[in-house]
C-alpha atoms as a PDB file:
ATOM      1  CA  MET A   1       0.000   0.000   0.000  1.00  0.00           C
ATOM      2  CA  SER A   2       2.891   2.399   0.721  1.00  0.00           C
ATOM      3  CA  ARG A   3       4.139   1.872  -2.828  1.00  0.00           C
ATOM      4  CA  ALA A   4       0.724   2.837  -4.205  1.00  0.00           C
ATOM      5  CA  PHE A   5       0.786   6.073  -2.211  1.00  0.00           C
ATOM      6  CA  VAL A   6       4.316   6.953  -3.317  1.00  0.00           C
ATOM      7  CA  ILE A   7       3.491   6.366  -6.988  1.00  0.00           C
ATOM      8  CA  GLY A   8       0.176   8.213  -6.705  1.00  0.00           C
ATOM      9  CA  ILE A   9       1.746  11.217  -4.974  1.00  0.00           C
ATOM     10  CA  ALA A  10       4.599  11.443  -7.490  1.00  0.00           C
ATOM     11  CA  LEU A  11       2.337  11.131 -10.552  1.00  0.00           C
ATOM     12  CA  ASN A  12      -0.172  13.685  -9.327  1.00  0.00           C
ATOM     13  CA  ALA A  13       2.437  16.196  -8.122  1.00  0.00           C
ATOM     14  CA  LEU A  14       4.062  16.199 -11.553  1.00  0.00           C
ATOM     15  CA  PHE A  15       0.705  16.483 -13.273  1.00  0.00           C
ATOM     16  CA  VAL A  16      -0.415  19.370 -11.027  1.00  0.00           C
ATOM     17  CA  ALA A  17       2.662  21.374 -11.993  1.00  0.00           C
ATOM     18  CA  ALA A  18       2.132  20.690 -15.693  1.00  0.00           C
ATOM     19  CA  GLU A  19      -1.643  21.292 -15.607  1.00  0.00           C
ATOM     20  CA  LEU A  20      -1.304  24.565 -13.698  1.00  0.00           C
ATOM     21  CA  GLY A  21       1.322  25.836 -16.115  1.00  0.00           C
ATOM     22  CA  PHE A  22      -0.669  24.918 -19.208  1.00  0.00           C
ATOM     23  CA  GLY A  23      -3.899  26.190 -17.637  1.00  0.00           C
ATOM     24  CA  LEU A  24      -2.364  29.622 -17.101  1.00  0.00           C
ATOM     25  CA  LEU A  25      -0.888  29.532 -20.593  1.00  0.00           C
ATOM     26  CA  ALA A  26      -4.272  28.658 -22.122  1.00  0.00           C
ATOM     27  CA  ASP A  27      -6.134  31.020 -19.749  1.00  0.00           C
ATOM     28  CA  SER A  28      -8.371  28.046 -18.926  1.00  0.00           C
ATOM     29  CA  LEU A  29     -10.139  28.252 -15.581  1.00  0.00           C
ATOM     30  CA  ALA A  30     -11.265  24.628 -15.989  1.00  0.00           C
ATOM     31  CA  LEU A  31      -7.630  23.476 -16.143  1.00  0.00           C
ATOM     32  CA  VAL A  32      -6.603  25.728 -13.261  1.00  0.00           C
ATOM     33  CA  ALA A  33      -9.601  24.475 -11.256  1.00  0.00           C
ATOM     34  CA  ASP A  34      -8.701  20.876 -11.955  1.00  0.00           C
ATOM     35  CA  ALA A  35      -5.061  21.598 -11.028  1.00  0.00           C
ATOM     36  CA  GLY A  36      -6.190  23.091  -7.724  1.00  0.00           C
ATOM     37  CA  HIS A  37      -8.308  20.060  -7.040  1.00  0.00           C
ATOM     38  CA  ASN A  38      -5.464  17.714  -7.941  1.00  0.00           C
ATOM     39  CA  LEU A  39      -3.166  19.655  -5.612  1.00  0.00           C
ATOM     40  CA  SER A  40      -5.611  19.103  -2.764  1.00  0.00           C
ATOM     41  CA  ASP A  41      -5.611  15.421  -3.688  1.00  0.00           C
ATOM     42  CA  VAL A  42      -1.815  15.361  -3.409  1.00  0.00           C
ATOM     43  CA  PHE A  43      -2.126  16.827   0.085  1.00  0.00           C
ATOM     44  CA  SER A  44      -4.831  14.262   0.879  1.00  0.00           C
ATOM     45  CA  LEU A  45      -2.648  11.409  -0.322  1.00  0.00           C
ATOM     46  CA  VAL A  46       0.261  12.681   1.780  1.00  0.00           C
ATOM     47  CA  LEU A  47      -1.986  13.002   4.837  1.00  0.00           C
ATOM     48  CA  ALA A  48      -3.486   9.534   4.334  1.00  0.00           C
ATOM     49  CA  TRP A  49      -0.086   7.938   3.801  1.00  0.00           C
ATOM     50  CA  GLY A  50       1.383   9.689   6.846  1.00  0.00           C
ATOM     51  CA  ALA A  51      -1.590   8.650   8.991  1.00  0.00           C
ATOM     52  CA  ILE A  52      -1.201   5.027   7.927  1.00  0.00           C
ATOM     53  CA  GLN A  53       2.481   5.157   8.885  1.00  0.00           C
ATOM     54  CA  LEU A  54       1.573   6.608  12.294  1.00  0.00           C
ATOM     55  CA  ALA A  55      -1.108   3.950  12.811  1.00  0.00           C
ATOM     56  CA  GLN A  56       1.544   1.250  12.496  1.00  0.00           C
ATOM     57  CA  ARG A  57       3.498   2.555  15.472  1.00  0.00           C
ATOM     58  CA  GLN A  58       3.400   0.472  18.620  1.00  0.00           C
ATOM     59  CA  PRO A  59       1.368   1.675  21.635  1.00  0.00           C
ATOM     60  CA  THR A  60       3.219   3.552  24.352  1.00  0.00           C
ATOM     61  CA  PRO A  61       2.496   4.052  28.073  1.00  0.00           C
ATOM     62  CA  ARG A  62       1.010   7.445  27.172  1.00  0.00           C
ATOM     63  CA  HIS A  63      -0.724   6.451  23.914  1.00  0.00           C
ATOM     64  CA  THR A  64      -2.054   3.046  24.895  1.00  0.00           C
ATOM     65  CA  TYR A  65      -3.975   2.651  21.623  1.00  0.00           C
ATOM     66  CA  GLY A  66      -1.047   3.878  19.576  1.00  0.00           C
ATOM     67  CA  LEU A  67      -1.758   6.592  16.979  1.00  0.00           C
ATOM     68  CA  ARG A  68      -4.416   4.727  15.006  1.00  0.00           C
ATOM     69  CA  ARG A  69      -6.945   7.553  15.232  1.00  0.00           C
ATOM     70  CA  GLY A  70      -4.701   9.635  13.012  1.00  0.00           C
ATOM     71  CA  THR A  71      -6.252   7.868  10.011  1.00  0.00           C
ATOM     72  CA  ILE A  72      -9.679   9.240  11.003  1.00  0.00           C
ATOM     73  CA  LEU A  73      -8.344  12.761  11.506  1.00  0.00           C
ATOM     74  CA  SER A  74      -6.553  12.543   8.171  1.00  0.00           C
ATOM     75  CA  SER A  75      -9.772  11.654   6.341  1.00  0.00           C
ATOM     76  CA  LEU A  76     -11.611  14.490   8.083  1.00  0.00           C
ATOM     77  CA  LEU A  77      -8.936  17.104   7.365  1.00  0.00           C
ATOM     78  CA  SER A  78      -8.446  16.126   3.723  1.00  0.00           C
ATOM     79  CA  SER A  79     -12.211  16.299   3.117  1.00  0.00           C
ATOM     80  CA  LEU A  80     -12.420  19.764   4.672  1.00  0.00           C
ATOM     81  CA  LEU A  81      -9.476  21.005   2.596  1.00  0.00           C
ATOM     82  CA  LEU A  82     -11.100  19.687  -0.545  1.00  0.00           C
ATOM     83  CA  LEU A  83     -14.413  21.416   0.184  1.00  0.00           C
ATOM     84  CA  LEU A  84     -12.603  24.690   0.845  1.00  0.00           C
ATOM     85  CA  ALA A  85     -10.744  24.434  -2.467  1.00  0.00           C
ATOM     86  CA  MET A  86     -13.994  23.784  -4.313  1.00  0.00           C
ATOM     87  CA  ALA A  87     -15.642  26.832  -2.726  1.00  0.00           C
ATOM     88  CA  VAL A  88     -12.837  29.054  -4.017  1.00  0.00           C
ATOM     89  CA  ILE A  89     -13.024  27.514  -7.496  1.00  0.00           C
ATOM     90  CA  ALA A  90     -16.819  27.867  -7.655  1.00  0.00           C
ATOM     91  CA  TRP A  91     -16.593  31.550  -6.723  1.00  0.00           C
ATOM     92  CA  GLU A  92     -14.016  32.212  -9.433  1.00  0.00           C
ATOM     93  CA  ALA A  93     -16.095  30.311 -11.986  1.00  0.00           C
ATOM     94  CA  LEU A  94     -19.153  32.446 -11.243  1.00  0.00           C
ATOM     95  CA  GLN A  95     -17.070  35.577 -11.835  1.00  0.00           C
ATOM     96  CA  ARG A  96     -15.791  34.155 -15.140  1.00  0.00           C
ATOM     97  CA  LEU A  97     -19.341  33.297 -16.288  1.00  0.00           C
ATOM     98  CA  ARG A  98     -20.199  36.980 -16.076  1.00  0.00           C
ATOM     99  CA  THR A  99     -17.219  37.949 -18.232  1.00  0.00           C
ATOM    100  CA  PRO A 100     -16.099  34.968 -20.380  1.00  0.00           C
ATOM    101  CA  ALA A 101     -12.501  35.079 -21.646  1.00  0.00           C
ATOM    102  CA  PRO A 102     -10.863  33.446 -24.679  1.00  0.00           C
ATOM    103  CA  VAL A 103      -9.594  29.915 -23.991  1.00  0.00           C
ATOM    104  CA  ALA A 104      -7.098  27.737 -25.886  1.00  0.00           C
ATOM    105  CA  GLY A 105      -9.380  24.769 -26.437  1.00  0.00           C
ATOM    106  CA  ASN A 106      -6.788  22.549 -28.135  1.00  0.00           C
ATOM    107  CA  LEU A 107      -4.438  22.851 -25.171  1.00  0.00           C
ATOM    108  CA  MET A 108      -7.322  22.121 -22.801  1.00  0.00           C
ATOM    109  CA  ILE A 109      -8.035  18.882 -24.645  1.00  0.00           C
ATOM    110  CA  VAL A 110      -4.424  17.642 -24.597  1.00  0.00           C
ATOM    111  CA  VAL A 111      -3.761  18.439 -20.926  1.00  0.00           C
ATOM    112  CA  ALA A 112      -7.108  17.114 -19.713  1.00  0.00           C
ATOM    113  CA  ALA A 113      -6.605  13.884 -21.695  1.00  0.00           C
ATOM    114  CA  ALA A 114      -3.305  13.428 -19.859  1.00  0.00           C
ATOM    115  CA  GLY A 115      -5.263  13.951 -16.637  1.00  0.00           C
ATOM    116  CA  VAL A 116      -7.615  11.114 -17.513  1.00  0.00           C
ATOM    117  CA  LEU A 117      -4.597   8.815 -17.837  1.00  0.00           C
ATOM    118  CA  VAL A 118      -2.788   9.964 -14.672  1.00  0.00           C
ATOM    119  CA  ASN A 119      -5.871   9.938 -12.454  1.00  0.00           C
ATOM    120  CA  GLY A 120      -7.126   6.655 -13.910  1.00  0.00           C
ATOM    121  CA  VAL A 121      -3.839   4.902 -13.163  1.00  0.00           C
ATOM    122  CA  THR A 122      -3.751   6.343  -9.626  1.00  0.00           C
ATOM    123  CA  ALA A 123      -7.338   5.244  -8.944  1.00  0.00           C
ATOM    124  CA  TRP A 124      -6.466   1.743 -10.134  1.00  0.00           C
ATOM    125  CA  LEU A 125      -3.646   1.598  -7.546  1.00  0.00           C
ATOM    126  CA  PHE A 126      -6.190   1.992  -4.729  1.00  0.00           C
ATOM    127  CA  ALA A 127      -9.077   0.000  -6.220  1.00  0.00           C
ATOM    128  CA  ALA A 128      -8.356  -3.296  -4.471  1.00  0.00           C
ATOM    129  CA  ASP A 129      -8.375  -1.917  -0.893  1.00  0.00           C
ATOM    130  CA  ARG A 130     -11.075   0.733  -1.154  1.00  0.00           C
ATOM    131  CA  HIS A 131     -13.747  -1.387   0.566  1.00  0.00           C
ATOM    132  CA  HIS A 132     -11.768  -1.856   3.788  1.00  0.00           C
ATOM    133  CA  ASP A 133     -10.384   1.581   4.645  1.00  0.00           C
ATOM    134  CA  ILE A 134     -12.065   4.988   4.440  1.00  0.00           C
ATOM    135  CA  ASN A 135      -8.628   6.551   3.881  1.00  0.00           C
ATOM    136  CA  VAL A 136      -8.035   4.412   0.810  1.00  0.00           C
ATOM    137  CA  ARG A 137     -11.652   4.866  -0.299  1.00  0.00           C
ATOM    138  CA  ALA A 138     -11.232   8.644  -0.105  1.00  0.00           C
ATOM    139  CA  ALA A 139      -8.097   8.400  -2.242  1.00  0.00           C
ATOM    140  CA  PHE A 140      -9.839   6.125  -4.753  1.00  0.00           C
ATOM    141  CA  LEU A 141     -12.923   8.358  -5.007  1.00  0.00           C
ATOM    142  CA  HIS A 142     -10.790  11.450  -5.501  1.00  0.00           C
ATOM    143  CA  MET A 143      -8.721   9.856  -8.239  1.00  0.00           C
ATOM    144  CA  ALA A 144     -11.660   8.192 -10.015  1.00  0.00           C
ATOM    145  CA  GLY A 145     -13.620  11.433  -9.803  1.00  0.00           C
ATOM    146  CA  ASP A 146     -10.663  13.332 -11.193  1.00  0.00           C
ATOM    147  CA  ALA A 147     -10.478  10.993 -14.160  1.00  0.00           C
ATOM    148  CA  GLY A 148     -14.152  11.640 -14.895  1.00  0.00           C
ATOM    149  CA  VAL A 149     -13.786  15.378 -14.407  1.00  0.00           C
ATOM    150  CA  SER A 150     -10.781  15.480 -16.750  1.00  0.00           C
ATOM    151  CA  ALA A 151     -12.885  13.665 -19.325  1.00  0.00           C
ATOM    152  CA  GLY A 152     -15.472  16.430 -18.916  1.00  0.00           C
ATOM    153  CA  VAL A 153     -12.805  19.070 -19.506  1.00  0.00           C
ATOM    154  CA  VAL A 154     -11.863  17.249 -22.724  1.00  0.00           C
ATOM    155  CA  LEU A 155     -15.469  17.506 -23.886  1.00  0.00           C
ATOM    156  CA  GLY A 156     -15.562  21.176 -22.914  1.00  0.00           C
ATOM    157  CA  GLY A 157     -12.396  21.831 -24.910  1.00  0.00           C
ATOM    158  CA  ILE A 158     -13.958  20.161 -27.935  1.00  0.00           C
ATOM    159  CA  GLY A 159     -17.012  22.418 -27.578  1.00  0.00           C
ATOM    160  CA  ILE A 160     -14.808  25.495 -27.407  1.00  0.00           C
ATOM    161  CA  VAL A 161     -12.780  24.466 -30.485  1.00  0.00           C
ATOM    162  CA  LEU A 162     -15.780  23.515 -32.629  1.00  0.00           C
ATOM    163  CA  ALA A 163     -18.342  26.115 -31.543  1.00  0.00           C
ATOM    164  CA  GLY A 164     -16.383  28.837 -29.752  1.00  0.00           C
ATOM    165  CA  TRP A 165     -18.392  28.399 -26.554  1.00  0.00           C
ATOM    166  CA  THR A 166     -15.970  30.056 -24.117  1.00  0.00           C
ATOM    167  CA  TRP A 167     -18.627  29.985 -21.393  1.00  0.00           C
ATOM    168  CA  LEU A 168     -18.135  26.205 -21.274  1.00  0.00           C
ATOM    169  CA  ASP A 169     -14.845  26.684 -19.403  1.00  0.00           C
ATOM    170  CA  PRO A 170     -16.289  28.284 -16.220  1.00  0.00           C
ATOM    171  CA  LEU A 171     -19.433  26.138 -16.497  1.00  0.00           C
ATOM    172  CA  ILE A 172     -17.305  22.977 -16.427  1.00  0.00           C
ATOM    173  CA  SER A 173     -15.480  24.415 -13.409  1.00  0.00           C
ATOM    174  CA  LEU A 174     -18.804  24.707 -11.581  1.00  0.00           C
ATOM    175  CA  VAL A 175     -19.746  21.154 -12.548  1.00  0.00           C
ATOM    176  CA  ILE A 176     -16.346  19.991 -11.276  1.00  0.00           C
ATOM    177  CA  ALA A 177     -16.996  21.666  -7.928  1.00  0.00           C
ATOM    178  CA  VAL A 178     -20.484  20.152  -7.576  1.00  0.00           C
ATOM    179  CA  ILE A 179     -19.349  16.629  -8.464  1.00  0.00           C
ATOM    180  CA  ILE A 180     -16.415  16.753  -6.056  1.00  0.00           C
ATOM    181  CA  VAL A 181     -18.474  18.172  -3.175  1.00  0.00           C
ATOM    182  CA  TRP A 182     -21.074  15.465  -3.735  1.00  0.00           C
ATOM    183  CA  SER A 183     -18.488  12.660  -3.800  1.00  0.00           C
ATOM    184  CA  THR A 184     -16.598  14.053  -0.790  1.00  0.00           C
ATOM    185  CA  TRP A 185     -19.584  14.657   1.451  1.00  0.00           C
ATOM    186  CA  GLU A 186     -20.052  11.001   2.415  1.00  0.00           C
ATOM    187  CA  VAL A 187     -16.385  10.619   3.344  1.00  0.00           C
ATOM    188  CA  LEU A 188     -16.548  13.830   5.397  1.00  0.00           C
ATOM    189  CA  THR A 189     -19.662  12.795   7.333  1.00  0.00           C
ATOM    190  CA  GLU A 190     -18.337   9.291   7.980  1.00  0.00           C
ATOM    191  CA  ALA A 191     -14.995  10.650   9.233  1.00  0.00           C
ATOM    192  CA  LEU A 192     -16.864  13.128  11.429  1.00  0.00           C
ATOM    193  CA  GLU A 193     -18.993  10.329  12.890  1.00  0.00           C
ATOM    194  CA  MET A 194     -15.872   8.301  13.649  1.00  0.00           C
ATOM    195  CA  SER A 195     -14.303  11.328  15.335  1.00  0.00           C
ATOM    196  CA  PHE A 196     -17.243  11.387  17.758  1.00  0.00           C
ATOM    197  CA  ASP A 197     -17.030   7.624  18.452  1.00  0.00           C
ATOM    198  CA  ALA A 198     -20.192   6.739  16.533  1.00  0.00           C
ATOM    199  CA  VAL A 199     -20.816   3.100  15.694  1.00  0.00           C
ATOM    200  CA  PRO A 200     -18.977   2.594  12.368  1.00  0.00           C
ATOM    201  CA  ARG A 201     -21.160   2.311   9.292  1.00  0.00           C
ATOM    202  CA  GLY A 202     -21.659  -1.262   8.214  1.00  0.00           C
ATOM    203  CA  ILE A 203     -21.910  -2.541  11.793  1.00  0.00           C
ATOM    204  CA  ASP A 204     -25.421  -3.282  13.034  1.00  0.00           C
ATOM    205  CA  ILE A 205     -25.268  -2.644  16.773  1.00  0.00           C
ATOM    206  CA  GLU A 206     -28.671  -4.258  17.310  1.00  0.00           C
ATOM    207  CA  ALA A 207     -27.431  -7.438  15.611  1.00  0.00           C
ATOM    208  CA  VAL A 208     -24.389  -7.398  17.898  1.00  0.00           C
ATOM    209  CA  ARG A 209     -26.658  -6.850  20.896  1.00  0.00           C
ATOM    210  CA  ARG A 210     -28.887  -9.767  19.883  1.00  0.00           C
ATOM    211  CA  TYR A 211     -25.869 -12.028  19.431  1.00  0.00           C
ATOM    212  CA  LEU A 212     -24.441 -11.221  22.867  1.00  0.00           C
ATOM    213  CA  ALA A 213     -27.833 -11.405  24.601  1.00  0.00           C
ATOM    214  CA  GLY A 214     -28.520 -14.781  23.021  1.00  0.00           C
ATOM    215  CA  LEU A 215     -25.349 -16.447  24.289  1.00  0.00           C
ATOM    216  CA  PRO A 216     -25.865 -19.437  26.622  1.00  0.00           C
ATOM    217  CA  GLY A 217     -25.980 -18.370  30.257  1.00  0.00           C
ATOM    218  CA  VAL A 218     -26.323 -14.645  29.551  1.00  0.00           C
ATOM    219  CA  GLY A 219     -29.128 -13.081  31.584  1.00  0.00           C
ATOM    220  CA  SER A 220     -28.705  -9.572  30.214  1.00  0.00           C
ATOM    221  CA  ILE A 221     -26.101  -7.196  28.809  1.00  0.00           C
ATOM    222  CA  HIS A 222     -25.388  -3.539  29.479  1.00  0.00           C
ATOM    223  CA  ASP A 223     -22.860  -0.804  28.677  1.00  0.00           C
ATOM    224  CA  LEU A 224     -22.418  -1.979  25.096  1.00  0.00           C
ATOM    225  CA  HIS A 225     -20.152   0.414  23.216  1.00  0.00           C
ATOM    226  CA  ILE A 226     -18.773   0.101  19.687  1.00  0.00           C
ATOM    227  CA  TRP A 227     -16.426   2.669  18.159  1.00  0.00           C
ATOM    228  CA  ALA A 228     -13.717   3.081  15.539  1.00  0.00           C
ATOM    229  CA  MET A 229     -10.121   2.977  16.757  1.00  0.00           C
ATOM    230  CA  SER A 230      -8.989   3.829  13.236  1.00  0.00           C
ATOM    231  CA  THR A 231     -10.434   3.733   9.733  1.00  0.00           C
ATOM    232  CA  THR A 232      -9.823  -0.028   9.659  1.00  0.00           C
ATOM    233  CA  GLU A 233     -10.105  -1.212  13.283  1.00  0.00           C
ATOM    234  CA  THR A 234     -13.194  -1.359  15.491  1.00  0.00           C
ATOM    235  CA  ALA A 235     -13.404  -1.875  19.248  1.00  0.00           C
ATOM    236  CA  LEU A 236     -16.208  -3.092  21.519  1.00  0.00           C
ATOM    237  CA  THR A 237     -16.803  -3.178  25.246  1.00  0.00           C
ATOM    238  CA  ALA A 238     -19.770  -4.778  26.981  1.00  0.00           C
ATOM    239  CA  HIS A 239     -20.847  -6.184  30.325  1.00  0.00           C
ATOM    240  CA  LEU A 240     -22.422  -9.648  30.258  1.00  0.00           C
ATOM    241  CA  VAL A 241     -24.609 -10.518  33.230  1.00  0.00           C
ATOM    242  CA  MET A 242     -24.283 -14.292  33.777  1.00  0.00           C
ATOM    243  CA  PRO A 243     -25.807 -15.386  37.130  1.00  0.00           C
ATOM    244  CA  ALA A 244     -24.164 -18.821  36.915  1.00  0.00           C
ATOM    245  CA  GLY A 245     -20.840 -17.462  35.678  1.00  0.00           C
ATOM    246  CA  HIS A 246     -19.091 -18.830  32.611  1.00  0.00           C
ATOM    247  CA  GLY A 247     -17.190 -22.010  32.057  1.00  0.00           C
ATOM    248  CA  ASN A 248     -13.700 -20.911  31.037  1.00  0.00           C
ATOM    249  CA  ASP A 249     -11.680 -18.403  29.059  1.00  0.00           C
ATOM    250  CA  GLN A 250     -12.433 -20.273  25.840  1.00  0.00           C
ATOM    251  CA  PHE A 251     -15.972 -18.872  26.100  1.00  0.00           C
ATOM    252  CA  LEU A 252     -14.640 -15.325  25.815  1.00  0.00           C
ATOM    253  CA  ARG A 253     -12.177 -16.254  23.082  1.00  0.00           C
ATOM    254  CA  ASP A 254     -14.989 -17.790  21.011  1.00  0.00           C
ATOM    255  CA  ILE A 255     -17.031 -14.600  21.356  1.00  0.00           C
ATOM    256  CA  GLY A 256     -14.058 -12.515  20.237  1.00  0.00           C
ATOM    257  CA  GLU A 257     -13.499 -14.714  17.186  1.00  0.00           C
ATOM    258  CA  HIS A 258     -17.197 -14.550  16.244  1.00  0.00           C
ATOM    259  CA  LEU A 259     -17.270 -10.756  16.570  1.00  0.00           C
ATOM    260  CA  ALA A 260     -14.170 -10.451  14.382  1.00  0.00           C
ATOM    261  CA  GLU A 261     -15.426 -12.857  11.721  1.00  0.00           C
ATOM    262  CA  HIS A 262     -19.063 -11.775  11.473  1.00  0.00           C
ATOM    263  CA  PHE A 263     -19.011  -8.118  12.570  1.00  0.00           C
ATOM    264  CA  ARG A 264     -15.435  -6.999  11.762  1.00  0.00           C
ATOM    265  CA  ILE A 265     -14.843  -6.077  15.424  1.00  0.00           C
ATOM    266  CA  ALA A 266     -11.255  -7.056  16.154  1.00  0.00           C
ATOM    267  CA  HIS A 267     -10.843  -5.564  19.657  1.00  0.00           C
ATOM    268  CA  ALA A 268     -13.499  -6.843  22.077  1.00  0.00           C
ATOM    269  CA  THR A 269     -13.365  -6.373  25.858  1.00  0.00           C
ATOM    270  CA  LEU A 270     -16.058  -8.237  27.780  1.00  0.00           C
ATOM    271  CA  GLN A 271     -16.758  -8.065  31.502  1.00  0.00           C
ATOM    272  CA  VAL A 272     -18.747 -10.869  33.121  1.00  0.00           C
ATOM    273  CA  GLU A 273     -20.964 -10.030  36.113  1.00  0.00           C
ATOM    274  CA  HIS A 274     -23.323 -12.111  38.243  1.00  0.00           C
ATOM    275  CA  ASP A 275     -26.061  -9.500  38.775  1.00  0.00           C
ATOM    276  CA  ASP A 276     -27.504  -6.479  36.976  1.00  0.00           C
ATOM    277  CA  PRO A 277     -26.067  -3.227  38.348  1.00  0.00           C
ATOM    278  CA  PRO A 278     -28.394  -1.008  40.427  1.00  0.00           C
ATOM    279  CA  GLY A 279     -30.596   1.214  38.270  1.00  0.00           C
ATOM    280  CA  CYS A 280     -29.788  -0.719  35.106  1.00  0.00           C
ATOM    281  CA  GLY A 281     -33.372  -0.510  33.816  1.00  0.00           C
ATOM    282  CA  GLN A 282     -33.763  -0.454  30.050  1.00  0.00           C
ATOM    283  CA  SER A 283     -30.004  -0.152  29.512  1.00  0.00           C
ATOM    284  CA  CYS A 284     -29.797  -3.871  30.278  1.00  0.00           C
ATOM    285  CA  THR A 285     -30.821  -6.141  27.437  1.00  0.00           C
ATOM    286  CA  PRO A 286     -32.516  -9.416  28.439  1.00  0.00           C
ATOM    287  CA  PRO A 287     -31.690 -12.611  26.540  1.00  0.00           C
ATOM    288  CA  LEU A 288     -33.683 -13.560  23.471  1.00  0.00           C
ATOM    289  CA  ARG A 289     -36.502 -15.963  24.261  1.00  0.00           C
ATOM    290  CA  THR A 290     -37.928 -18.604  21.962  1.00  0.00           C
ATOM    291  CA  PRO A 291     -41.728 -18.210  21.663  1.00  0.00           C
ATOM    292  CA  ALA A 292     -43.764 -21.002  23.183  1.00  0.00           C
ATOM    293  CA  GLY A 293     -44.267 -23.795  20.740  1.00  0.00           C
ATOM    294  CA  GLY A 294     -41.458 -22.378  18.497  1.00  0.00           C
END
């Protein structure tokens, strides 16, 4: 994965420099807008890569979980930076729509076509791991979106060359901003939820609760908490009320293995108690009962 980040960062940094230079030469706001977006993607890739490196550090007496949460903060920060960049680009595009300027359409087409290639290759580097890590998914979405946006700039350049529609340049810039904000919003909200220790998306806490409450010997459960330690690791704590106690440590190990295999919860801490705590009320979940005759 580190190799994919290094290649992606290098390719996009070189392309940003070339696209910005040609965009200024062609007086194309669409190219400059796309260069600005690609620059924010370079920063995002650097942040994501750095966060992954930090997450691999061993825990310390002060940071007992290590620095895994850096991957969540990285996703949040990169999304915010991207939205800020798009706001600036959208404002400039609106100004250019009022007073369209001549644009070198042929140069737009050539540079944007190169962008389709660069961004497509970079997206392919992250395609395999995008389902397991929001950091990688953010990188994949940015790169795949960039490839599509560059294809749109190619079409805009063709329209300018064939019909002289200079207003297409700022219009495409606005479309770029809308598409990127739309594709980034989900990553931003998910990273924000993780920052506030929400149950990670894709984990059904009620299904987890039913599983734990249905275990043999469990009278009730309480203080069930599930949160993201990083963009790839999930933790759980829960109290199991078992009046008769439990047989041995293998019981807890089996629960941990089941949670990891079926719910993608790799860090489970379970406390076994003999009685419900005072004032437990509805926070305690009774075991599942089989209906009579069922």
